[in-house]
């Protein structure tokens, strides 16, 4: 893999994604930094992993928070096999 790992998030919901969180175990969650607009409805954004995660496993739980403060269910996602994620 390269030095800077990325994945894309496509937001097919009616609401902007304002926060994106990942966890290896669903106990300790780490946030991604998003722009002030988050990920608007209908948009795709490239997300960059922090360098300290380079040696971590491929499978992470991921969850999104939307502009109305609702949250998606967490889902286990393999970022090595499929680096494109869609919230719908």
PDB file of N, CA and C in Angstrom:
ATOM      1  N   UNK A   1       0.831  -1.189   0.000  1.00  0.00           N
ATOM      2  CA  UNK A   1       0.000   0.000   0.000  1.00  0.00           C
ATOM      3  C   UNK A   1       0.873   1.249   0.000  1.00  0.00           C
ATOM      4  N   UNK A   2       0.273   2.341  -0.370  1.00  0.00           N
ATOM      5  CA  UNK A   2       1.015   3.599  -0.411  1.00  0.00           C
ATOM      6  C   UNK A   2       1.144   4.187   0.986  1.00  0.00           C
ATOM      7  N   UNK A   3       1.883   5.295   1.086  1.00  0.00           N
ATOM      8  CA  UNK A   3       2.072   5.956   2.375  1.00  0.00           C
ATOM      9  C   UNK A   3       0.801   6.625   2.878  1.00  0.00           C
ATOM     10  N   UNK A   4      -0.038   7.107   1.973  1.00  0.00           N
ATOM     11  CA  UNK A   4      -1.265   7.803   2.349  1.00  0.00           C
ATOM     12  C   UNK A   4      -2.454   6.990   1.849  1.00  0.00           C
ATOM     13  N   UNK A   5      -3.172   6.365   2.774  1.00  0.00           N
ATOM     14  CA  UNK A   5      -4.320   5.558   2.411  1.00  0.00           C
ATOM     15  C   UNK A   5      -5.559   6.426   2.335  1.00  0.00           C
ATOM     16  N   UNK A   6      -6.410   6.147   1.363  1.00  0.00           N
ATOM     17  CA  UNK A   6      -7.639   6.911   1.174  1.00  0.00           C
ATOM     18  C   UNK A   6      -8.811   5.973   0.923  1.00  0.00           C
ATOM     19  N   UNK A   7      -9.996   6.520   1.076  1.00  0.00           N
ATOM     20  CA  UNK A   7     -11.217   5.855   0.631  1.00  0.00           C
ATOM     21  C   UNK A   7     -12.208   6.946   0.267  1.00  0.00           C
ATOM     22  N   UNK A   8     -13.232   6.593  -0.473  1.00  0.00           N
ATOM     23  CA  UNK A   8     -14.241   7.583  -0.831  1.00  0.00           C
ATOM     24  C   UNK A   8     -15.539   7.283  -0.099  1.00  0.00           C
ATOM     25  N   UNK A   9     -16.256   8.348   0.204  1.00  0.00           N
ATOM     26  CA  UNK A   9     -17.581   8.238   0.806  1.00  0.00           C
ATOM     27  C   UNK A   9     -18.556   8.967  -0.101  1.00  0.00           C
ATOM     28  N   UNK A  10     -19.575   8.240  -0.547  1.00  0.00           N
ATOM     29  CA  UNK A  10     -20.654   8.823  -1.336  1.00  0.00           C
ATOM     30  C   UNK A  10     -21.882   8.923  -0.450  1.00  0.00           C
ATOM     31  N   UNK A  11     -22.454  10.106  -0.416  1.00  0.00           N
ATOM     32  CA  UNK A  11     -23.631  10.355   0.414  1.00  0.00           C
ATOM     33  C   UNK A  11     -24.867  10.370  -0.480  1.00  0.00           C
ATOM     34  N   UNK A  12     -25.625   9.272  -0.460  1.00  0.00           N
ATOM     35  CA  UNK A  12     -26.857   9.182  -1.234  1.00  0.00           C
ATOM     36  C   UNK A  12     -28.096   9.401  -0.368  1.00  0.00           C
ATOM     37  N   UNK A  13     -27.897   9.951   0.828  1.00  0.00           N
ATOM     38  CA  UNK A  13     -29.036  10.252   1.694  1.00  0.00           C
ATOM     39  C   UNK A  13     -29.552  11.661   1.373  1.00  0.00           C
ATOM     40  N   UNK A  14     -30.624  12.050   2.040  1.00  0.00           N
ATOM     41  CA  UNK A  14     -31.183  13.395   1.857  1.00  0.00           C
ATOM     42  C   UNK A  14     -30.530  14.437   2.751  1.00  0.00           C
ATOM     43  N   UNK A  15     -29.652  13.984   3.663  1.00  0.00           N
ATOM     44  CA  UNK A  15     -29.027  14.887   4.638  1.00  0.00           C
ATOM     45  C   UNK A  15     -27.510  14.891   4.477  1.00  0.00           C
ATOM     46  N   UNK A  16     -26.886  16.004   4.819  1.00  0.00           N
ATOM     47  CA  UNK A  16     -25.422  16.073   4.805  1.00  0.00           C
ATOM     48  C   UNK A  16     -24.863  15.216   5.939  1.00  0.00           C
ATOM     49  N   UNK A  17     -23.732  14.586   5.691  1.00  0.00           N
ATOM     50  CA  UNK A  17     -22.993  13.884   6.729  1.00  0.00           C
ATOM     51  C   UNK A  17     -22.096  14.919   7.391  1.00  0.00           C
ATOM     52  N   UNK A  18     -22.245  15.092   8.703  1.00  0.00           N
ATOM     53  CA  UNK A  18     -21.465  16.101   9.406  1.00  0.00           C
ATOM     54  C   UNK A  18     -20.297  15.514  10.187  1.00  0.00           C
ATOM     55  N   UNK A  19     -20.383  14.218  10.513  1.00  0.00           N
ATOM     56  CA  UNK A  19     -19.302  13.542  11.238  1.00  0.00           C
ATOM     57  C   UNK A  19     -19.166  12.122  10.698  1.00  0.00           C
ATOM     58  N   UNK A  20     -17.936  11.633  10.693  1.00  0.00           N
ATOM     59  CA  UNK A  20     -17.646  10.274  10.267  1.00  0.00           C
ATOM     60  C   UNK A  20     -16.717   9.670  11.304  1.00  0.00           C
ATOM     61  N   UNK A  21     -17.085   8.504  11.844  1.00  0.00           N
ATOM     62  CA  UNK A  21     -16.349   7.868  12.927  1.00  0.00           C
ATOM     63  C   UNK A  21     -15.977   6.441  12.552  1.00  0.00           C
ATOM     64  N   UNK A  22     -14.802   5.978  13.002  1.00  0.00           N
ATOM     65  CA  UNK A  22     -14.378   4.597  12.792  1.00  0.00           C
ATOM     66  C   UNK A  22     -13.893   3.987  14.102  1.00  0.00           C
ATOM     67  N   UNK A  23     -13.980   2.656  14.163  1.00  0.00           N
ATOM     68  CA  UNK A  23     -13.561   1.931  15.361  1.00  0.00           C
ATOM     69  C   UNK A  23     -13.114   0.525  14.971  1.00  0.00           C
ATOM     70  N   UNK A  24     -12.104   0.032  15.649  1.00  0.00           N
ATOM     71  CA  UNK A  24     -11.692  -1.356  15.447  1.00  0.00           C
ATOM     72  C   UNK A  24     -12.588  -2.321  16.208  1.00  0.00           C
ATOM     73  N   UNK A  25     -13.194  -1.860  17.319  1.00  0.00           N
ATOM     74  CA  UNK A  25     -13.903  -2.768  18.216  1.00  0.00           C
ATOM     75  C   UNK A  25     -15.293  -2.285  18.652  1.00  0.00           C
ATOM     76  N   UNK A  26     -15.754  -1.185  18.130  1.00  0.00           N
ATOM     77  CA  UNK A  26     -17.027  -0.534  18.496  1.00  0.00           C
ATOM     78  C   UNK A  26     -17.041   0.000  19.938  1.00  0.00           C
ATOM     79  N   UNK A  27     -15.870   0.036  20.587  1.00  0.00           N
ATOM     80  CA  UNK A  27     -15.774   0.617  21.923  1.00  0.00           C
ATOM     81  C   UNK A  27     -15.106   1.985  21.884  1.00  0.00           C
ATOM     82  N   UNK A  28     -13.978   2.074  21.202  1.00  0.00           N
ATOM     83  CA  UNK A  28     -13.238   3.334  21.084  1.00  0.00           C
ATOM     84  C   UNK A  28     -13.381   3.843  19.649  1.00  0.00           C
ATOM     85  N   UNK A  29     -13.997   5.016  19.510  1.00  0.00           N
ATOM     86  CA  UNK A  29     -14.270   5.587  18.186  1.00  0.00           C
ATOM     87  C   UNK A  29     -13.336   6.754  17.899  1.00  0.00           C
ATOM     88  N   UNK A  30     -12.886   6.842  16.655  1.00  0.00           N
ATOM     89  CA  UNK A  30     -11.996   7.914  16.199  1.00  0.00           C
ATOM     90  C   UNK A  30     -12.684   8.700  15.089  1.00  0.00           C
ATOM     91  N   UNK A  31     -12.643  10.033  15.157  1.00  0.00           N
ATOM     92  CA  UNK A  31     -13.303  10.844  14.128  1.00  0.00           C
ATOM     93  C   UNK A  31     -12.384  11.135  12.944  1.00  0.00           C
ATOM     94  N   UNK A  32     -13.003  11.328  11.793  1.00  0.00           N
ATOM     95  CA  UNK A  32     -12.304  11.893  10.642  1.00  0.00           C
ATOM     96  C   UNK A  32     -12.631  13.376  10.606  1.00  0.00           C
ATOM     97  N   UNK A  33     -11.702  14.177  10.149  1.00  0.00           N
ATOM     98  CA  UNK A  33     -11.939  15.606  10.000  1.00  0.00           C
ATOM     99  C   UNK A  33     -12.598  15.841   8.639  1.00  0.00           C
ATOM    100  N   UNK A  34     -13.778  16.419   8.674  1.00  0.00           N
ATOM    101  CA  UNK A  34     -14.500  16.755   7.445  1.00  0.00           C
ATOM    102  C   UNK A  34     -14.499  18.267   7.278  1.00  0.00           C
ATOM    103  N   UNK A  35     -14.800  18.720   6.073  1.00  0.00           N
ATOM    104  CA  UNK A  35     -14.902  20.163   5.830  1.00  0.00           C
ATOM    105  C   UNK A  35     -16.082  20.722   6.621  1.00  0.00           C
ATOM    106  N   UNK A  36     -16.203  22.036   6.681  1.00  0.00           N
ATOM    107  CA  UNK A  36     -17.312  22.672   7.391  1.00  0.00           C
ATOM    108  C   UNK A  36     -18.666  22.237   6.850  1.00  0.00           C
ATOM    109  N   UNK A  37     -18.721  21.913   5.547  1.00  0.00           N
ATOM    110  CA  UNK A  37     -19.968  21.467   4.924  1.00  0.00           C
ATOM    111  C   UNK A  37     -20.207  19.974   5.113  1.00  0.00           C
ATOM    112  N   UNK A  38     -19.223  19.265   5.676  1.00  0.00           N
ATOM    113  CA  UNK A  38     -19.346  17.820   5.798  1.00  0.00           C
ATOM    114  C   UNK A  38     -19.331  17.184   4.415  1.00  0.00           C
ATOM    115  N   UNK A  39     -20.162  16.184   4.239  1.00  0.00           N
ATOM    116  CA  UNK A  39     -20.331  15.555   2.922  1.00  0.00           C
ATOM    117  C   UNK A  39     -21.783  15.804   2.518  1.00  0.00           C
ATOM    118  N   UNK A  40     -22.020  16.788   1.656  1.00  0.00           N
ATOM    119  CA  UNK A  40     -23.396  17.133   1.281  1.00  0.00           C
ATOM    120  C   UNK A  40     -24.109  15.973   0.581  1.00  0.00           C
ATOM    121  N   UNK A  41     -25.421  15.989   0.646  1.00  0.00           N
ATOM    122  CA  UNK A  41     -26.247  15.003  -0.043  1.00  0.00           C
ATOM    123  C   UNK A  41     -25.883  14.979  -1.526  1.00  0.00           C
ATOM    124  N   UNK A  42     -25.710  13.793  -2.073  1.00  0.00           N
ATOM    125  CA  UNK A  42     -25.394  13.644  -3.498  1.00  0.00           C
ATOM    126  C   UNK A  42     -23.927  13.799  -3.840  1.00  0.00           C
ATOM    127  N   UNK A  43     -23.073  14.055  -2.865  1.00  0.00           N
ATOM    128  CA  UNK A  43     -21.651  14.293  -3.118  1.00  0.00           C
ATOM    129  C   UNK A  43     -20.792  13.079  -2.733  1.00  0.00           C
ATOM    130  N   UNK A  44     -19.616  13.009  -3.351  1.00  0.00           N
ATOM    131  CA  UNK A  44     -18.600  12.012  -3.015  1.00  0.00           C
ATOM    132  C   UNK A  44     -17.355  12.746  -2.560  1.00  0.00           C
ATOM    133  N   UNK A  45     -16.753  12.289  -1.480  1.00  0.00           N
ATOM    134  CA  UNK A  45     -15.573  12.920  -0.898  1.00  0.00           C
ATOM    135  C   UNK A  45     -14.495  11.873  -0.668  1.00  0.00           C
ATOM    136  N   UNK A  46     -13.250  12.253  -0.901  1.00  0.00           N
ATOM    137  CA  UNK A  46     -12.120  11.379  -0.587  1.00  0.00           C
ATOM    138  C   UNK A  46     -11.680  11.658   0.843  1.00  0.00           C
ATOM    139  N   UNK A  47     -11.541  10.592   1.626  1.00  0.00           N
ATOM    140  CA  UNK A  47     -11.132  10.680   3.026  1.00  0.00           C
ATOM    141  C   UNK A  47      -9.731  10.095   3.149  1.00  0.00           C
ATOM    142  N   UNK A  48      -8.881  10.770   3.905  1.00  0.00           N
ATOM    143  CA  UNK A  48      -7.495  10.338   4.097  1.00  0.00           C
ATOM    144  C   UNK A  48      -7.322   9.767   5.500  1.00  0.00           C
ATOM    145  N   UNK A  49      -6.752   8.566   5.568  1.00  0.00           N
ATOM    146  CA  UNK A  49      -6.420   7.963   6.861  1.00  0.00           C
ATOM    147  C   UNK A  49      -5.200   8.664   7.444  1.00  0.00           C
ATOM    148  N   UNK A  50      -5.141   8.778   8.748  1.00  0.00           N
ATOM    149  CA  UNK A  50      -3.950   9.294   9.430  1.00  0.00           C
ATOM    150  C   UNK A  50      -2.825   8.273   9.277  1.00  0.00           C
ATOM    151  N   UNK A  51      -1.598   8.760   9.197  1.00  0.00           N
ATOM    152  CA  UNK A  51      -0.449   7.874   8.994  1.00  0.00           C
ATOM    153  C   UNK A  51      -0.317   6.812  10.077  1.00  0.00           C
ATOM    154  N   UNK A  52      -0.716   7.132  11.310  1.00  0.00           N
ATOM    155  CA  UNK A  52      -0.560   6.154  12.390  1.00  0.00           C
ATOM    156  C   UNK A  52      -1.431   4.904  12.177  1.00  0.00           C
ATOM    157  N   UNK A  53      -2.382   4.952  11.248  1.00  0.00           N
ATOM    158  CA  UNK A  53      -3.226   3.787  10.981  1.00  0.00           C
ATOM    159  C   UNK A  53      -2.641   2.878   9.895  1.00  0.00           C
ATOM    160  N   UNK A  54      -1.478   3.231   9.332  1.00  0.00           N
ATOM    161  CA  UNK A  54      -0.925   2.473   8.207  1.00  0.00           C
ATOM    162  C   UNK A  54      -0.745   0.984   8.490  1.00  0.00           C
ATOM    163  N   UNK A  55      -0.422   0.617   9.708  1.00  0.00           N
ATOM    164  CA  UNK A  55      -0.198  -0.792  10.030  1.00  0.00           C
ATOM    165  C   UNK A  55      -1.407  -1.434  10.713  1.00  0.00           C
ATOM    166  N   UNK A  56      -2.538  -0.779  10.663  1.00  0.00           N
ATOM    167  CA  UNK A  56      -3.725  -1.315  11.316  1.00  0.00           C
ATOM    168  C   UNK A  56      -4.440  -2.308  10.393  1.00  0.00           C
ATOM    169  N   UNK A  57      -5.366  -3.087  10.944  1.00  0.00           N
ATOM    170  CA  UNK A  57      -6.136  -4.036  10.122  1.00  0.00           C
ATOM    171  C   UNK A  57      -6.969  -3.310   9.068  1.00  0.00           C
ATOM    172  N   UNK A  58      -7.438  -4.080   8.093  1.00  0.00           N
ATOM    173  CA  UNK A  58      -8.261  -3.516   7.019  1.00  0.00           C
ATOM    174  C   UNK A  58      -9.706  -3.299   7.440  1.00  0.00           C
ATOM    175  N   UNK A  59     -10.189  -4.102   8.381  1.00  0.00           N
ATOM    176  CA  UNK A  59     -11.586  -4.029   8.767  1.00  0.00           C
ATOM    177  C   UNK A  59     -11.800  -3.080   9.939  1.00  0.00           C
ATOM    178  N   UNK A  60     -12.667  -2.111   9.715  1.00  0.00           N
ATOM    179  CA  UNK A  60     -13.028  -1.118  10.724  1.00  0.00           C
ATOM    180  C   UNK A  60     -14.550  -0.981  10.721  1.00  0.00           C
ATOM    181  N   UNK A  61     -15.103  -0.682  11.876  1.00  0.00           N
ATOM    182  CA  UNK A  61     -16.500  -0.278  11.946  1.00  0.00           C
ATOM    183  C   UNK A  61     -16.562   1.199  11.564  1.00  0.00           C
ATOM    184  N   UNK A  62     -17.620   1.578  10.880  1.00  0.00           N
ATOM    185  CA  UNK A  62     -17.779   2.980  10.483  1.00  0.00           C
ATOM    186  C   UNK A  62     -19.211   3.419  10.774  1.00  0.00           C
ATOM    187  N   UNK A  63     -19.351   4.674  11.149  1.00  0.00           N
ATOM    188  CA  UNK A  63     -20.657   5.250  11.439  1.00  0.00           C
ATOM    189  C   UNK A  63     -20.647   6.715  11.033  1.00  0.00           C
ATOM    190  N   UNK A  64     -21.803   7.203  10.609  1.00  0.00           N
ATOM    191  CA  UNK A  64     -21.932   8.603  10.201  1.00  0.00           C
ATOM    192  C   UNK A  64     -22.949   9.304  11.086  1.00  0.00           C
ATOM    193  N   UNK A  65     -22.729  10.606  11.288  1.00  0.00           N
ATOM    194  CA  UNK A  65     -23.696  11.480  11.952  1.00  0.00           C
ATOM    195  C   UNK A  65     -24.166  12.469  10.894  1.00  0.00           C
ATOM    196  N   UNK A  66     -25.472  12.686  10.852  1.00  0.00           N
ATOM    197  CA  UNK A  66     -26.069  13.540   9.827  1.00  0.00           C
ATOM    198  C   UNK A  66     -26.445  14.909  10.394  1.00  0.00           C
ATOM    199  N   UNK A  67     -26.775  15.832   9.503  1.00  0.00           N
ATOM    200  CA  UNK A  67     -27.034  17.210   9.905  1.00  0.00           C
ATOM    201  C   UNK A  67     -28.188  17.358  10.892  1.00  0.00           C
ATOM    202  N   UNK A  68     -29.099  16.391  10.948  1.00  0.00           N
ATOM    203  CA  UNK A  68     -30.182  16.442  11.931  1.00  0.00           C
ATOM    204  C   UNK A  68     -29.798  15.715  13.230  1.00  0.00           C
ATOM    205  N   UNK A  69     -28.506  15.352  13.346  1.00  0.00           N
ATOM    206  CA  UNK A  69     -27.905  14.687  14.498  1.00  0.00           C
ATOM    207  C   UNK A  69     -28.292  13.214  14.633  1.00  0.00           C
ATOM    208  N   UNK A  70     -28.985  12.663  13.627  1.00  0.00           N
ATOM    209  CA  UNK A  70     -29.237  11.223  13.628  1.00  0.00           C
ATOM    210  C   UNK A  70     -27.938  10.511  13.254  1.00  0.00           C
ATOM    211  N   UNK A  71     -27.852   9.232  13.610  1.00  0.00           N
ATOM    212  CA  UNK A  71     -26.647   8.454  13.350  1.00  0.00           C
ATOM    213  C   UNK A  71     -26.983   7.209  12.540  1.00  0.00           C
ATOM    214  N   UNK A  72     -26.057   6.824  11.685  1.00  0.00           N
ATOM    215  CA  UNK A  72     -26.223   5.559  10.971  1.00  0.00           C
ATOM    216  C   UNK A  72     -25.890   4.412  11.918  1.00  0.00           C
ATOM    217  N   UNK A  73     -26.363   3.240  11.594  1.00  0.00           N
ATOM    218  CA  UNK A  73     -25.928   2.042  12.314  1.00  0.00           C
ATOM    219  C   UNK A  73     -24.455   1.836  11.984  1.00  0.00           C
ATOM    220  N   UNK A  74     -23.668   1.375  12.944  1.00  0.00           N
ATOM    221  CA  UNK A  74     -22.274   1.069  12.627  1.00  0.00           C
ATOM    222  C   UNK A  74     -22.236  -0.195  11.779  1.00  0.00           C
ATOM    223  N   UNK A  75     -21.291  -0.251  10.866  1.00  0.00           N
ATOM    224  CA  UNK A  75     -21.145  -1.407   9.981  1.00  0.00           C
ATOM    225  C   UNK A  75     -19.666  -1.732   9.841  1.00  0.00           C
ATOM    226  N   UNK A  76     -19.359  -3.017   9.813  1.00  0.00           N
ATOM    227  CA  UNK A  76     -17.980  -3.456   9.612  1.00  0.00           C
ATOM    228  C   UNK A  76     -17.671  -3.374   8.131  1.00  0.00           C
ATOM    229  N   UNK A  77     -16.570  -2.696   7.803  1.00  0.00           N
ATOM    230  CA  UNK A  77     -16.230  -2.429   6.407  1.00  0.00           C
ATOM    231  C   UNK A  77     -14.766  -2.771   6.182  1.00  0.00           C
ATOM    232  N   UNK A  78     -14.468  -3.485   5.091  1.00  0.00           N
ATOM    233  CA  UNK A  78     -13.092  -3.831   4.752  1.00  0.00           C
ATOM    234  C   UNK A  78     -12.562  -2.785   3.768  1.00  0.00           C
ATOM    235  N   UNK A  79     -11.765  -1.869   4.277  1.00  0.00           N
ATOM    236  CA  UNK A  79     -11.268  -0.763   3.467  1.00  0.00           C
ATOM    237  C   UNK A  79     -10.190  -1.183   2.479  1.00  0.00           C
ATOM    238  N   UNK A  80      -9.568  -2.350   2.671  1.00  0.00           N
ATOM    239  CA  UNK A  80      -8.560  -2.829   1.730  1.00  0.00           C
ATOM    240  C   UNK A  80      -9.201  -3.429   0.487  1.00  0.00           C
ATOM    241  N   UNK A  81     -10.302  -4.141   0.675  1.00  0.00           N
ATOM    242  CA  UNK A  81     -10.974  -4.805  -0.442  1.00  0.00           C
ATOM    243  C   UNK A  81     -11.858  -3.858  -1.228  1.00  0.00           C
ATOM    244  N   UNK A  82     -12.501  -2.926  -0.553  1.00  0.00           N
ATOM    245  CA  UNK A  82     -13.439  -2.031  -1.216  1.00  0.00           C
ATOM    246  C   UNK A  82     -13.302  -0.630  -0.649  1.00  0.00           C
ATOM    247  N   UNK A  83     -12.481   0.212  -1.279  1.00  0.00           N
ATOM    248  CA  UNK A  83     -12.227   1.555  -0.721  1.00  0.00           C
ATOM    249  C   UNK A  83     -13.297   2.599  -1.076  1.00  0.00           C
ATOM    250  N   UNK A  84     -14.474   2.153  -1.518  1.00  0.00           N
ATOM    251  CA  UNK A  84     -15.548   3.080  -1.858  1.00  0.00           C
ATOM    252  C   UNK A  84     -16.773   2.728  -1.027  1.00  0.00           C
ATOM    253  N   UNK A  85     -17.205   3.659  -0.205  1.00  0.00           N
ATOM    254  CA  UNK A  85     -18.296   3.439   0.737  1.00  0.00           C
ATOM    255  C   UNK A  85     -19.457   4.359   0.385  1.00  0.00           C
ATOM    256  N   UNK A  86     -20.683   3.818   0.446  1.00  0.00           N
ATOM    257  CA  UNK A  86     -21.860   4.623   0.138  1.00  0.00           C
ATOM    258  C   UNK A  86     -22.836   4.574   1.298  1.00  0.00           C
ATOM    259  N   UNK A  87     -23.291   5.743   1.734  1.00  0.00           N
ATOM    260  CA  UNK A  87     -24.372   5.846   2.703  1.00  0.00           C
ATOM    261  C   UNK A  87     -25.632   6.155   1.913  1.00  0.00           C
ATOM    262  N   UNK A  88     -26.655   5.325   2.091  1.00  0.00           N
ATOM    263  CA  UNK A  88     -27.903   5.545   1.339  1.00  0.00           C
ATOM    264  C   UNK A  88     -29.106   5.353   2.236  1.00  0.00           C
TER     265      UNK A  88
END
